[in-house]
Protein backbone atom coordinates (compact mmCIF):
# COMPACT_ATOMS: atom_id res chain seq x y z
CA MET A 1 -9.56 29.28 63.77
CA THR A 2 -9.38 31.31 67.16
CA HIS A 3 -13.05 30.41 68.13
CA VAL A 4 -12.09 26.80 67.45
CA ILE A 5 -8.93 27.51 70.04
CA ARG A 6 -10.97 28.86 72.14
CA LEU A 7 -13.39 26.13 72.65
CA LEU A 8 -10.96 23.05 72.83
CA THR A 9 -9.21 25.66 75.37
CA LEU A 10 -12.28 25.41 77.26
CA VAL A 11 -12.99 22.18 77.19
CA LEU A 12 -10.20 21.07 77.94
CA ALA A 13 -9.72 23.09 81.48
CA LEU A 14 -13.22 22.33 82.45
CA SER A 15 -12.49 18.79 82.63
CA VAL A 16 -9.66 18.66 84.15
CA PRO A 17 -9.84 19.33 87.54
CA GLY A 18 -7.86 22.38 89.03
CA LEU A 19 -7.44 23.85 85.79
CA ALA A 20 -11.27 25.30 85.57
CA ALA A 21 -10.70 27.20 88.86
CA ALA A 22 -8.42 30.33 86.94
CA GLN A 23 -10.87 29.66 83.42
CA VAL A 24 -11.71 32.91 82.30
CA VAL A 25 -15.77 32.22 80.92
CA LEU A 26 -17.01 35.25 80.38
CA THR A 27 -16.24 38.39 79.39
CA ALA A 28 -18.42 42.12 79.89
CA ILE A 29 -17.16 44.89 77.84
CA HIS A 30 -18.72 48.40 78.31
CA GLU A 31 -17.22 52.56 77.42
CA GLY A 32 -14.88 53.94 80.40
CA PRO A 33 -15.30 57.50 81.20
CA ASP A 34 -12.64 58.07 78.57
CA GLY A 35 -14.43 56.44 75.86
CA ALA A 36 -12.31 53.50 75.49
CA ASP A 37 -13.27 50.09 75.87
CA VAL A 38 -13.57 48.51 79.91
CA GLU A 39 -13.07 44.49 79.68
CA THR A 40 -13.91 42.60 82.55
CA GLU A 41 -13.51 38.67 82.84
CA TYR A 42 -15.22 36.75 84.72
CA THR A 43 -13.93 32.93 85.92
CA PHE A 44 -16.76 30.53 86.96
CA GLU A 45 -16.44 31.27 90.35
CA GLU A 46 -16.49 35.01 90.33
CA LEU A 47 -19.68 34.96 88.39
CA SER A 48 -21.38 32.58 90.87
CA ALA A 49 -19.68 34.81 93.84
CA LEU A 50 -22.08 37.46 92.53
CA PRO A 51 -26.06 37.64 93.87
CA GLN A 52 -27.74 34.78 92.31
CA THR A 53 -31.30 34.52 90.63
CA GLU A 54 -32.91 30.93 89.67
CA VAL A 55 -35.46 30.93 87.16
CA THR A 56 -37.70 28.14 86.60
CA THR A 57 -39.33 28.04 82.76
CA ASP A 58 -39.16 25.99 79.61
CA ASN A 59 -38.15 26.65 76.81
CA ASP A 60 -37.22 25.58 73.02
CA TYR A 61 -33.77 24.11 73.69
CA VAL A 62 -34.91 21.75 77.17
CA GLU A 63 -37.35 18.98 77.09
CA GLU A 64 -38.79 20.21 80.28
CA VAL A 65 -39.64 23.27 82.92
CA THR A 66 -35.79 23.32 83.64
CA THR A 67 -34.30 25.27 87.09
CA PHE A 68 -31.66 27.39 85.73
CA SER A 69 -29.22 29.95 88.62
CA GLY A 70 -26.56 32.43 88.04
CA PRO A 71 -26.09 36.50 88.37
CA ARG A 72 -28.39 38.65 86.37
CA VAL A 73 -27.13 40.39 83.65
CA THR A 74 -27.05 43.77 84.99
CA GLU A 75 -24.51 42.48 87.83
CA LEU A 76 -21.91 42.56 85.51
CA PHE A 77 -22.32 46.74 85.05
CA GLU A 78 -21.87 49.38 87.32
CA GLU A 79 -25.30 50.46 88.79
CA GLY A 80 -27.22 52.66 86.38
CA ALA A 81 -24.65 51.95 83.62
CA ILE A 82 -27.70 49.67 81.36
CA GLU A 83 -29.70 52.08 79.82
CA ALA A 84 -33.26 51.08 77.91
CA GLY A 85 -31.99 52.34 74.66
CA ASP A 86 -28.63 50.61 74.97
CA GLU A 87 -28.00 47.29 73.14
CA LEU A 88 -26.20 44.31 74.27
CA VAL A 89 -24.61 41.94 71.63
CA LEU A 90 -23.81 38.81 73.12
CA THR A 91 -21.52 36.71 71.17
CA ALA A 92 -21.00 32.82 72.20
CA LEU A 93 -17.59 30.44 71.73
CA ASN A 94 -17.92 30.20 68.22
CA ASP A 95 -18.63 33.49 67.30
CA TYR A 96 -22.25 33.41 66.52
CA SER A 97 -23.99 36.47 67.78
CA VAL A 98 -26.75 38.49 68.78
CA THR A 99 -28.11 41.55 69.61
CA VAL A 100 -30.54 42.62 72.45
CA PRO A 101 -32.08 45.43 73.11
CA ALA A 102 -30.71 46.70 76.77
CA ALA A 103 -34.30 46.96 77.95
CA ASP A 104 -34.75 43.39 78.34
CA VAL A 105 -32.41 43.19 81.27
CA LEU A 106 -33.99 46.21 82.74
CA ASP A 107 -37.45 44.59 82.55
CA TYR A 108 -36.94 40.99 83.14
CA GLU A 109 -34.72 38.93 85.57
CA VAL A 110 -32.73 37.82 82.78
CA ILE A 111 -29.71 35.58 83.72
CA LEU A 112 -26.36 34.42 83.16
CA ALA A 113 -27.36 30.52 83.83
CA ILE A 114 -24.17 29.06 85.42
CA LEU A 115 -26.30 25.92 86.88
CA MET A 116 -28.84 23.84 84.73
CA ASN A 117 -31.14 22.20 87.92
CA GLY A 118 -28.27 22.69 90.01
CA GLU A 119 -25.26 21.13 88.21
CA ARG A 120 -22.66 23.46 86.37
CA MET A 121 -23.18 23.08 82.42
CA SER A 122 -20.61 21.71 80.57
CA VAL A 123 -19.91 23.36 76.92
CA ARG A 124 -21.61 20.06 75.33
CA GLU A 125 -24.84 20.80 77.64
CA LYS A 126 -24.82 24.71 76.47
CA GLY A 127 -22.81 25.97 79.03
CA PRO A 128 -20.67 27.48 80.72
CA VAL A 129 -23.18 30.04 80.42
CA TRP A 130 -26.70 30.45 78.97
CA VAL A 131 -28.66 33.45 78.46
CA ILE A 132 -31.65 32.63 80.45
CA TYR A 133 -35.26 34.64 80.06
CA PRO A 134 -38.12 34.35 82.93
CA MET A 135 -40.25 32.90 80.33
CA ASP A 136 -43.03 31.39 81.98
CA ASP A 137 -43.47 34.28 84.32
CA ASN A 138 -43.92 36.42 81.57
CA PRO A 139 -46.54 35.02 78.76
CA GLU A 140 -44.83 38.16 76.17
CA LEU A 141 -41.57 36.40 76.35
CA GLN A 142 -42.92 33.30 74.22
CA GLU A 143 -42.79 34.91 71.00
CA ALA A 144 -40.13 33.45 68.71
CA SER A 145 -37.95 36.67 68.92
CA TYR A 146 -37.20 36.38 72.40
CA ASN A 147 -36.43 32.19 72.35
CA ASP A 148 -33.64 33.06 69.28
CA ARG A 149 -31.70 35.60 72.44
CA LEU A 150 -31.33 32.30 74.77
CA ILE A 151 -27.55 32.23 73.44
CA TRP A 152 -25.63 29.19 75.11
CA GLN A 153 -22.13 28.81 75.67
CA LEU A 154 -22.00 32.75 75.71
CA ALA A 155 -18.22 34.02 76.04
CA LYS A 156 -18.78 38.07 75.80
CA ILE A 157 -21.43 40.62 76.40
CA ARG A 158 -20.55 43.86 75.19
CA LEU A 159 -22.66 47.12 76.45
CA GLN A 160 -23.37 50.12 73.79
């Protein structure tokens, strides 16, 4: 039930001018030096303020080659915080989750797309945050296992 309320709140906030500015669209979680979880919440504007990367690619969920832009996943964590043996648990608004090897975000320019063809994505359009791999630039990413990692309506990233 909580995920339904979260989703409805997000839809309302994105459809009412002025409300979206303060709406948290993504939470990044990692273990702090004391072993406790450290959570950082991001609004659309805060994600937009991070260095942006553009990826033009095709995948099974778009009809044609599409340009996505947003920060790299690595931008959410301190430099060196993500190690190749780590995992990232990506969770969507509906609580669907997928575990991704951290090596993916270290080896490829995996982004948190917040724009598709220059436009903000609504929840209906797989937004407000969609994990995008540069599939066309890397033939090895054409495998189905990578397509399954293109989680949309991303709400939370946990580094573990």
